[in-house]
Full PDB file with SEQRES, HELIX, SHEET, SSBOND, CRYST1, ORIGX, SCALE, CONECT and MASTER records, all heavy atoms in Angstrom:
SEQRES   1 A   29  ALA GLY SER ALA ALA LYS THR ARG LEU LEU LEU GLY ALA          
SEQRES   2 A   29  LEU THR THR GLU ALA ARG LEU LYS THR TYR ILE PRO GLN          
SEQRES   3 A   29  ASP VAL SER                                                  
HELIX    1 AA1 THR A    7  THR A   16  1                                  10    
CRYST1    1.000    1.000    1.000  90.00  90.00  90.00 P 1           1          
ORIGX1      1.000000  0.000000  0.000000        0.00000                         
ORIGX2      0.000000  1.000000  0.000000        0.00000                         
ORIGX3      0.000000  0.000000  1.000000        0.00000                         
SCALE1      1.000000  0.000000  0.000000        0.00000                         
SCALE2      0.000000  1.000000  0.000000        0.00000                         
SCALE3      0.000000  0.000000  1.000000        0.00000                         
ATOM      1  N   ALA A   1      -4.102   5.911   4.303  1.00  0.00           N  
ATOM      2  CA  ALA A   1      -5.450   6.342   3.915  1.00  0.00           C  
ATOM      3  C   ALA A   1      -5.510   6.998   2.541  1.00  0.00           C  
ATOM      4  O   ALA A   1      -6.494   6.843   1.816  1.00  0.00           O  
ATOM      5  CB  ALA A   1      -6.006   7.304   4.972  1.00  0.00           C  
ATOM      6  N   GLY A   2      -4.477   7.758   2.171  1.00  0.00           N  
ATOM      7  CA  GLY A   2      -4.524   8.453   0.881  1.00  0.00           C  
ATOM      8  C   GLY A   2      -5.741   9.346   0.788  1.00  0.00           C  
ATOM      9  O   GLY A   2      -6.035  10.131   1.694  1.00  0.00           O  
ATOM     10  N   SER A   3      -6.500   9.209  -0.300  1.00  0.00           N  
ATOM     11  CA  SER A   3      -7.687  10.056  -0.506  1.00  0.00           C  
ATOM     12  C   SER A   3      -8.906   9.533   0.247  1.00  0.00           C  
ATOM     13  O   SER A   3      -9.964  10.170   0.224  1.00  0.00           O  
ATOM     14  CB  SER A   3      -8.018  10.128  -1.997  1.00  0.00           C  
ATOM     15  OG  SER A   3      -8.369   8.847  -2.493  1.00  0.00           O  
ATOM     16  N   ALA A   4      -8.790   8.372   0.887  1.00  0.00           N  
ATOM     17  CA  ALA A   4      -9.894   7.763   1.650  1.00  0.00           C  
ATOM     18  C   ALA A   4     -11.106   7.483   0.772  1.00  0.00           C  
ATOM     19  O   ALA A   4     -12.232   7.455   1.259  1.00  0.00           O  
ATOM     20  CB  ALA A   4     -10.280   8.646   2.847  1.00  0.00           C  
ATOM     21  N   ALA A   5     -10.890   7.226  -0.516  1.00  0.00           N  
ATOM     22  CA  ALA A   5     -12.010   7.024  -1.442  1.00  0.00           C  
ATOM     23  C   ALA A   5     -12.823   5.786  -1.069  1.00  0.00           C  
ATOM     24  O   ALA A   5     -14.049   5.857  -0.915  1.00  0.00           O  
ATOM     25  CB  ALA A   5     -11.488   6.908  -2.872  1.00  0.00           C  
ATOM     26  N   LYS A   6     -12.148   4.632  -0.923  1.00  0.00           N  
ATOM     27  CA  LYS A   6     -12.881   3.407  -0.570  1.00  0.00           C  
ATOM     28  C   LYS A   6     -13.406   3.474   0.858  1.00  0.00           C  
ATOM     29  O   LYS A   6     -14.446   2.887   1.176  1.00  0.00           O  
ATOM     30  CB  LYS A   6     -11.964   2.193  -0.712  1.00  0.00           C  
ATOM     31  CG  LYS A   6     -11.718   1.748  -2.140  1.00  0.00           C  
ATOM     32  CD  LYS A   6     -10.752   0.600  -2.216  1.00  0.00           C  
ATOM     33  CE  LYS A   6      -9.365   0.994  -1.822  1.00  0.00           C  
ATOM     34  NZ  LYS A   6      -8.314   0.055  -2.205  1.00  0.00           N  
ATOM     35  N   THR A   7     -12.687   4.218   1.715  1.00  0.00           N  
ATOM     36  CA  THR A   7     -13.056   4.257   3.119  1.00  0.00           C  
ATOM     37  C   THR A   7     -14.424   4.878   3.334  1.00  0.00           C  
ATOM     38  O   THR A   7     -15.093   4.574   4.321  1.00  0.00           O  
ATOM     39  CB  THR A   7     -12.011   5.075   3.900  1.00  0.00           C  
ATOM     40  OG1 THR A   7     -10.723   4.724   3.423  1.00  0.00           O  
ATOM     41  CG2 THR A   7     -12.092   4.777   5.373  1.00  0.00           C  
ATOM     42  N   ARG A   8     -14.844   5.736   2.424  1.00  0.00           N  
ATOM     43  CA  ARG A   8     -16.158   6.364   2.583  1.00  0.00           C  
ATOM     44  C   ARG A   8     -17.268   5.313   2.619  1.00  0.00           C  
ATOM     45  O   ARG A   8     -18.301   5.507   3.264  1.00  0.00           O  
ATOM     46  CB  ARG A   8     -16.392   7.383   1.470  1.00  0.00           C  
ATOM     47  CG  ARG A   8     -15.591   8.666   1.673  1.00  0.00           C  
ATOM     48  CD  ARG A   8     -15.652   9.552   0.422  1.00  0.00           C  
ATOM     49  NE  ARG A   8     -15.155  10.885   0.654  1.00  0.00           N  
ATOM     50  CZ  ARG A   8     -13.863  11.212   0.740  1.00  0.00           C  
ATOM     51  NH1 ARG A   8     -12.937  10.262   0.637  1.00  0.00           N  
ATOM     52  NH2 ARG A   8     -13.487  12.463   0.926  1.00  0.00           N  
ATOM     53  N   LEU A   9     -17.063   4.195   1.908  1.00  0.00           N  
ATOM     54  CA  LEU A   9     -18.030   3.101   1.975  1.00  0.00           C  
ATOM     55  C   LEU A   9     -18.109   2.558   3.406  1.00  0.00           C  
ATOM     56  O   LEU A   9     -19.196   2.330   3.942  1.00  0.00           O  
ATOM     57  CB  LEU A   9     -17.628   1.979   1.022  1.00  0.00           C  
ATOM     58  CG  LEU A   9     -17.619   2.299  -0.474  1.00  0.00           C  
ATOM     59  CD1 LEU A   9     -16.939   1.177  -1.251  1.00  0.00           C  
ATOM     60  CD2 LEU A   9     -19.044   2.505  -0.980  1.00  0.00           C  
ATOM     61  N   LEU A  10     -16.940   2.352   4.018  1.00  0.00           N  
ATOM     62  CA  LEU A  10     -16.900   1.871   5.396  1.00  0.00           C  
ATOM     63  C   LEU A  10     -17.491   2.891   6.360  1.00  0.00           C  
ATOM     64  O   LEU A  10     -18.267   2.538   7.249  1.00  0.00           O  
ATOM     65  CB  LEU A  10     -15.456   1.589   5.803  1.00  0.00           C  
ATOM     66  CG  LEU A  10     -14.895   0.189   5.615  1.00  0.00           C  
ATOM     67  CD1 LEU A  10     -13.426   0.163   5.989  1.00  0.00           C  
ATOM     68  CD2 LEU A  10     -15.671  -0.825   6.431  1.00  0.00           C  
ATOM     69  N   LEU A  11     -17.113   4.143   6.173  1.00  0.00           N  
ATOM     70  CA  LEU A  11     -17.606   5.188   7.067  1.00  0.00           C  
ATOM     71  C   LEU A  11     -19.123   5.286   7.004  1.00  0.00           C  
ATOM     72  O   LEU A  11     -19.795   5.428   8.031  1.00  0.00           O  
ATOM     73  CB  LEU A  11     -16.970   6.538   6.712  1.00  0.00           C  
ATOM     74  CG  LEU A  11     -15.465   6.658   6.968  1.00  0.00           C  
ATOM     75  CD1 LEU A  11     -14.929   7.964   6.404  1.00  0.00           C  
ATOM     76  CD2 LEU A  11     -15.167   6.570   8.464  1.00  0.00           C  
ATOM     77  N   GLY A  12     -19.675   5.200   5.785  1.00  0.00           N  
ATOM     78  CA  GLY A  12     -21.125   5.257   5.631  1.00  0.00           C  
ATOM     79  C   GLY A  12     -21.805   4.119   6.360  1.00  0.00           C  
ATOM     80  O   GLY A  12     -22.793   4.317   7.091  1.00  0.00           O  
ATOM     81  N   ALA A  13     -21.275   2.896   6.196  1.00  0.00           N  
ATOM     82  CA  ALA A  13     -21.889   1.736   6.843  1.00  0.00           C  
ATOM     83  C   ALA A  13     -21.715   1.785   8.361  1.00  0.00           C  
ATOM     84  O   ALA A  13     -22.642   1.472   9.112  1.00  0.00           O  
ATOM     85  CB  ALA A  13     -21.281   0.456   6.287  1.00  0.00           C  
ATOM     86  N   LEU A  14     -20.539   2.182   8.825  1.00  0.00           N  
ATOM     87  CA  LEU A  14     -20.279   2.197  10.258  1.00  0.00           C  
ATOM     88  C   LEU A  14     -21.060   3.300  10.968  1.00  0.00           C  
ATOM     89  O   LEU A  14     -21.483   3.127  12.115  1.00  0.00           O  
ATOM     90  CB  LEU A  14     -18.778   2.365  10.520  1.00  0.00           C  
ATOM     91  CG  LEU A  14     -17.910   1.145  10.185  1.00  0.00           C  
ATOM     92  CD1 LEU A  14     -16.439   1.518  10.141  1.00  0.00           C  
ATOM     93  CD2 LEU A  14     -18.132   0.024  11.197  1.00  0.00           C  
ATOM     94  N   THR A  15     -21.265   4.424  10.305  1.00  0.00           N  
ATOM     95  CA  THR A  15     -22.085   5.479  10.921  1.00  0.00           C  
ATOM     96  C   THR A  15     -23.562   5.108  10.887  1.00  0.00           C  
ATOM     97  O   THR A  15     -24.320   5.490  11.779  1.00  0.00           O  
ATOM     98  CB  THR A  15     -21.856   6.837  10.232  1.00  0.00           C  
ATOM     99  OG1 THR A  15     -22.032   6.697   8.817  1.00  0.00           O  
ATOM    100  CG2 THR A  15     -20.468   7.378  10.510  1.00  0.00           C  
ATOM    101  N   THR A  16     -23.981   4.360   9.879  1.00  0.00           N  
ATOM    102  CA  THR A  16     -25.364   3.873   9.836  1.00  0.00           C  
ATOM    103  C   THR A  16     -25.647   2.958  11.016  1.00  0.00           C  
ATOM    104  O   THR A  16     -26.756   2.939  11.568  1.00  0.00           O  
ATOM    105  CB  THR A  16     -25.631   3.118   8.517  1.00  0.00           C  
ATOM    106  OG1 THR A  16     -25.446   4.028   7.433  1.00  0.00           O  
ATOM    107  CG2 THR A  16     -27.048   2.559   8.470  1.00  0.00           C  
ATOM    108  N   GLU A  17     -24.630   2.193  11.420  1.00  0.00           N  
ATOM    109  CA  GLU A  17     -24.775   1.336  12.590  1.00  0.00           C  
ATOM    110  C   GLU A  17     -24.825   2.149  13.892  1.00  0.00           C  
ATOM    111  O   GLU A  17     -25.065   1.602  14.947  1.00  0.00           O  
ATOM    112  CB  GLU A  17     -23.605   0.348  12.655  1.00  0.00           C  
ATOM    113  CG  GLU A  17     -23.674  -0.770  11.630  1.00  0.00           C  
ATOM    114  CD  GLU A  17     -24.791  -1.747  11.916  1.00  0.00           C  
ATOM    115  OE1 GLU A  17     -24.972  -2.154  13.081  1.00  0.00           O  
ATOM    116  OE2 GLU A  17     -25.497  -2.101  10.946  1.00  0.00           O  
ATOM    117  N   ALA A  18     -24.562   3.469  13.764  1.00  0.00           N  
ATOM    118  CA  ALA A  18     -24.712   4.430  14.868  1.00  0.00           C  
ATOM    119  C   ALA A  18     -23.705   4.225  16.000  1.00  0.00           C  
ATOM    120  O   ALA A  18     -23.903   4.701  17.102  1.00  0.00           O  
ATOM    121  CB  ALA A  18     -26.138   4.400  15.432  1.00  0.00           C  
ATOM    122  N   ARG A  19     -22.626   3.524  15.732  1.00  0.00           N  
ATOM    123  CA  ARG A  19     -21.605   3.334  16.760  1.00  0.00           C  
ATOM    124  C   ARG A  19     -20.359   4.171  16.487  1.00  0.00           C  
ATOM    125  O   ARG A  19     -19.655   4.575  17.405  1.00  0.00           O  
ATOM    126  CB  ARG A  19     -21.216   1.860  16.862  1.00  0.00           C  
ATOM    127  CG  ARG A  19     -22.303   0.945  17.390  1.00  0.00           C  
ATOM    128  CD  ARG A  19     -21.777  -0.462  17.583  1.00  0.00           C  
ATOM    129  NE  ARG A  19     -20.750  -0.509  18.617  1.00  0.00           N  
ATOM    130  CZ  ARG A  19     -20.983  -0.738  19.897  1.00  0.00           C  
ATOM    131  NH1 ARG A  19     -22.226  -0.946  20.313  1.00  0.00           N  
ATOM    132  NH2 ARG A  19     -19.999  -0.777  20.771  1.00  0.00           N  
ATOM    133  N   LEU A  20     -20.036   4.393  15.210  1.00  0.00           N  
ATOM    134  CA  LEU A  20     -18.768   5.035  14.880  1.00  0.00           C  
ATOM    135  C   LEU A  20     -18.749   6.483  15.361  1.00  0.00           C  
ATOM    136  O   LEU A  20     -19.641   7.269  15.043  1.00  0.00           O  
ATOM    137  CB  LEU A  20     -18.511   4.985  13.373  1.00  0.00           C  
ATOM    138  CG  LEU A  20     -17.078   5.363  12.967  1.00  0.00           C  
ATOM    139  CD1 LEU A  20     -16.103   4.265  13.381  1.00  0.00           C  
ATOM    140  CD2 LEU A  20     -16.979   5.604  11.471  1.00  0.00           C  
ATOM    141  N   LYS A  21     -17.696   6.827  16.094  1.00  0.00           N  
ATOM    142  CA  LYS A  21     -17.550   8.179  16.631  1.00  0.00           C  
ATOM    143  C   LYS A  21     -16.343   8.903  16.048  1.00  0.00           C  
ATOM    144  O   LYS A  21     -16.351  10.136  15.924  1.00  0.00           O  
ATOM    145  CB  LYS A  21     -17.413   8.132  18.157  1.00  0.00           C  
ATOM    146  CG  LYS A  21     -18.606   7.539  18.884  1.00  0.00           C  
ATOM    147  CD  LYS A  21     -18.338   7.511  20.390  1.00  0.00           C  
ATOM    148  CE  LYS A  21     -19.549   6.994  21.158  1.00  0.00           C  
ATOM    149  NZ  LYS A  21     -19.824   5.571  20.880  1.00  0.00           N  
ATOM    150  N   THR A  22     -15.294   8.132  15.692  1.00  0.00           N  
ATOM    151  CA  THR A  22     -14.026   8.762  15.309  1.00  0.00           C  
ATOM    152  C   THR A  22     -13.418   8.037  14.119  1.00  0.00           C  
ATOM    153  O   THR A  22     -13.444   6.806  14.054  1.00  0.00           O  
ATOM    154  CB  THR A  22     -13.023   8.731  16.478  1.00  0.00           C  
ATOM    155  OG1 THR A  22     -13.625   9.329  17.634  1.00  0.00           O  
ATOM    156  CG2 THR A  22     -11.744   9.483  16.138  1.00  0.00           C  
ATOM    157  N   TYR A  23     -12.846   8.815  13.202  1.00  0.00           N  
ATOM    158  CA  TYR A  23     -12.079   8.283  12.079  1.00  0.00           C  
ATOM    159  C   TYR A  23     -10.655   8.775  12.201  1.00  0.00           C  
ATOM    160  O   TYR A  23     -10.409   9.982  12.330  1.00  0.00           O  
ATOM    161  CB  TYR A  23     -12.694   8.733  10.753  1.00  0.00           C  
ATOM    162  CG  TYR A  23     -11.878   8.394   9.526  1.00  0.00           C  
ATOM    163  CD1 TYR A  23     -11.425   7.102   9.296  1.00  0.00           C  
ATOM    164  CD2 TYR A  23     -11.566   9.373   8.582  1.00  0.00           C  
ATOM    165  CE1 TYR A  23     -10.679   6.789   8.168  1.00  0.00           C  
ATOM    166  CE2 TYR A  23     -10.832   9.075   7.445  1.00  0.00           C  
ATOM    167  CZ  TYR A  23     -10.395   7.783   7.244  1.00  0.00           C  
ATOM    168  OH  TYR A  23      -9.649   7.469   6.124  1.00  0.00           O  
ATOM    169  N   ILE A  24      -9.695   7.837  12.167  1.00  0.00           N  
ATOM    170  CA  ILE A  24      -8.280   8.183  12.302  1.00  0.00           C  
ATOM    171  C   ILE A  24      -7.552   7.745  11.034  1.00  0.00           C  
ATOM    172  O   ILE A  24      -7.136   6.587  10.918  1.00  0.00           O  
ATOM    173  CB  ILE A  24      -7.658   7.519  13.545  1.00  0.00           C  
ATOM    174  CG1 ILE A  24      -8.401   7.940  14.806  1.00  0.00           C  
ATOM    175  CG2 ILE A  24      -6.170   7.863  13.659  1.00  0.00           C  
ATOM    176  CD1 ILE A  24      -7.961   7.213  16.073  1.00  0.00           C  
ATOM    177  N   PRO A  25      -7.411   8.631  10.055  1.00  0.00           N  
ATOM    178  CA  PRO A  25      -6.633   8.275   8.859  1.00  0.00           C  
ATOM    179  C   PRO A  25      -5.147   8.508   9.102  1.00  0.00           C  
ATOM    180  O   PRO A  25      -4.754   9.497   9.721  1.00  0.00           O  
ATOM    181  CB  PRO A  25      -7.172   9.237   7.799  1.00  0.00           C  
ATOM    182  CG  PRO A  25      -7.599  10.452   8.574  1.00  0.00           C  
ATOM    183  CD  PRO A  25      -8.027   9.962   9.935  1.00  0.00           C  
ATOM    184  N   GLN A  26      -4.324   7.583   8.603  1.00  0.00           N  
ATOM    185  CA  GLN A  26      -2.868   7.715   8.710  1.00  0.00           C  
ATOM    186  C   GLN A  26      -2.291   7.730   7.304  1.00  0.00           C  
ATOM    187  O   GLN A  26      -2.719   6.992   6.422  1.00  0.00           O  
ATOM    188  CB  GLN A  26      -2.300   6.534   9.516  1.00  0.00           C  
ATOM    189  CG  GLN A  26      -0.784   6.471   9.594  1.00  0.00           C  
ATOM    190  CD  GLN A  26      -0.138   5.802   8.380  1.00  0.00           C  
ATOM    191  OE1 GLN A  26      -0.761   4.973   7.715  1.00  0.00           O  
ATOM    192  NE2 GLN A  26       1.088   6.203   8.067  1.00  0.00           N  
ATOM    193  N   ASP A  27      -1.302   8.587   7.082  1.00  0.00           N  
ATOM    194  CA  ASP A  27      -0.626   8.629   5.787  1.00  0.00           C  
ATOM    195  C   ASP A  27       0.723   9.315   5.972  1.00  0.00           C  
ATOM    196  O   ASP A  27       0.945  10.021   6.965  1.00  0.00           O  
ATOM    197  CB  ASP A  27      -1.470   9.382   4.751  1.00  0.00           C  
ATOM    198  CG  ASP A  27      -1.107   8.990   3.319  1.00  0.00           C  
ATOM    199  OD1 ASP A  27      -1.626   7.954   2.848  1.00  0.00           O  
ATOM    200  OD2 ASP A  27      -0.289   9.689   2.699  1.00  0.00           O  
ATOM    201  N   VAL A  28       1.624   9.112   5.002  1.00  0.00           N  
ATOM    202  CA  VAL A  28       2.941   9.775   5.077  1.00  0.00           C  
ATOM    203  C   VAL A  28       2.887  11.201   4.555  1.00  0.00           C  
ATOM    204  O   VAL A  28       3.774  12.002   4.843  1.00  0.00           O  
ATOM    205  CB  VAL A  28       4.021   8.991   4.297  1.00  0.00           C  
ATOM    206  CG1 VAL A  28       4.247   7.626   4.925  1.00  0.00           C  
ATOM    207  CG2 VAL A  28       3.674   8.863   2.833  1.00  0.00           C  
ATOM    208  N   SER A  29       1.867  11.522   3.763  1.00  0.00           N  
ATOM    209  CA  SER A  29       1.778  12.834   3.131  1.00  0.00           C  
ATOM    210  C   SER A  29       0.872  13.748   3.942  1.00  0.00           C  
ATOM    211  O   SER A  29      -0.346  13.532   4.015  1.00  0.00           O  
ATOM    212  CB  SER A  29       1.242  12.709   1.703  1.00  0.00           C  
ATOM    213  OG  SER A  29       0.915  13.985   1.181  1.00  0.00           O  
TER     214      SER A  29                                                      
MASTER        0    0    0    1    0    0    0    6  213    1    0    3          
END                                                                             
C-alpha cells in the first residue's frame, strides 16, 4: 500500500457505491 495515494481514488469510488466497509492496507514498513 505504501502511502495509499492512488488508493484514495478507489476508496472514494467504493464508498460512493455505499458497500465498502473496511480497508486493509498491507506493507512491509
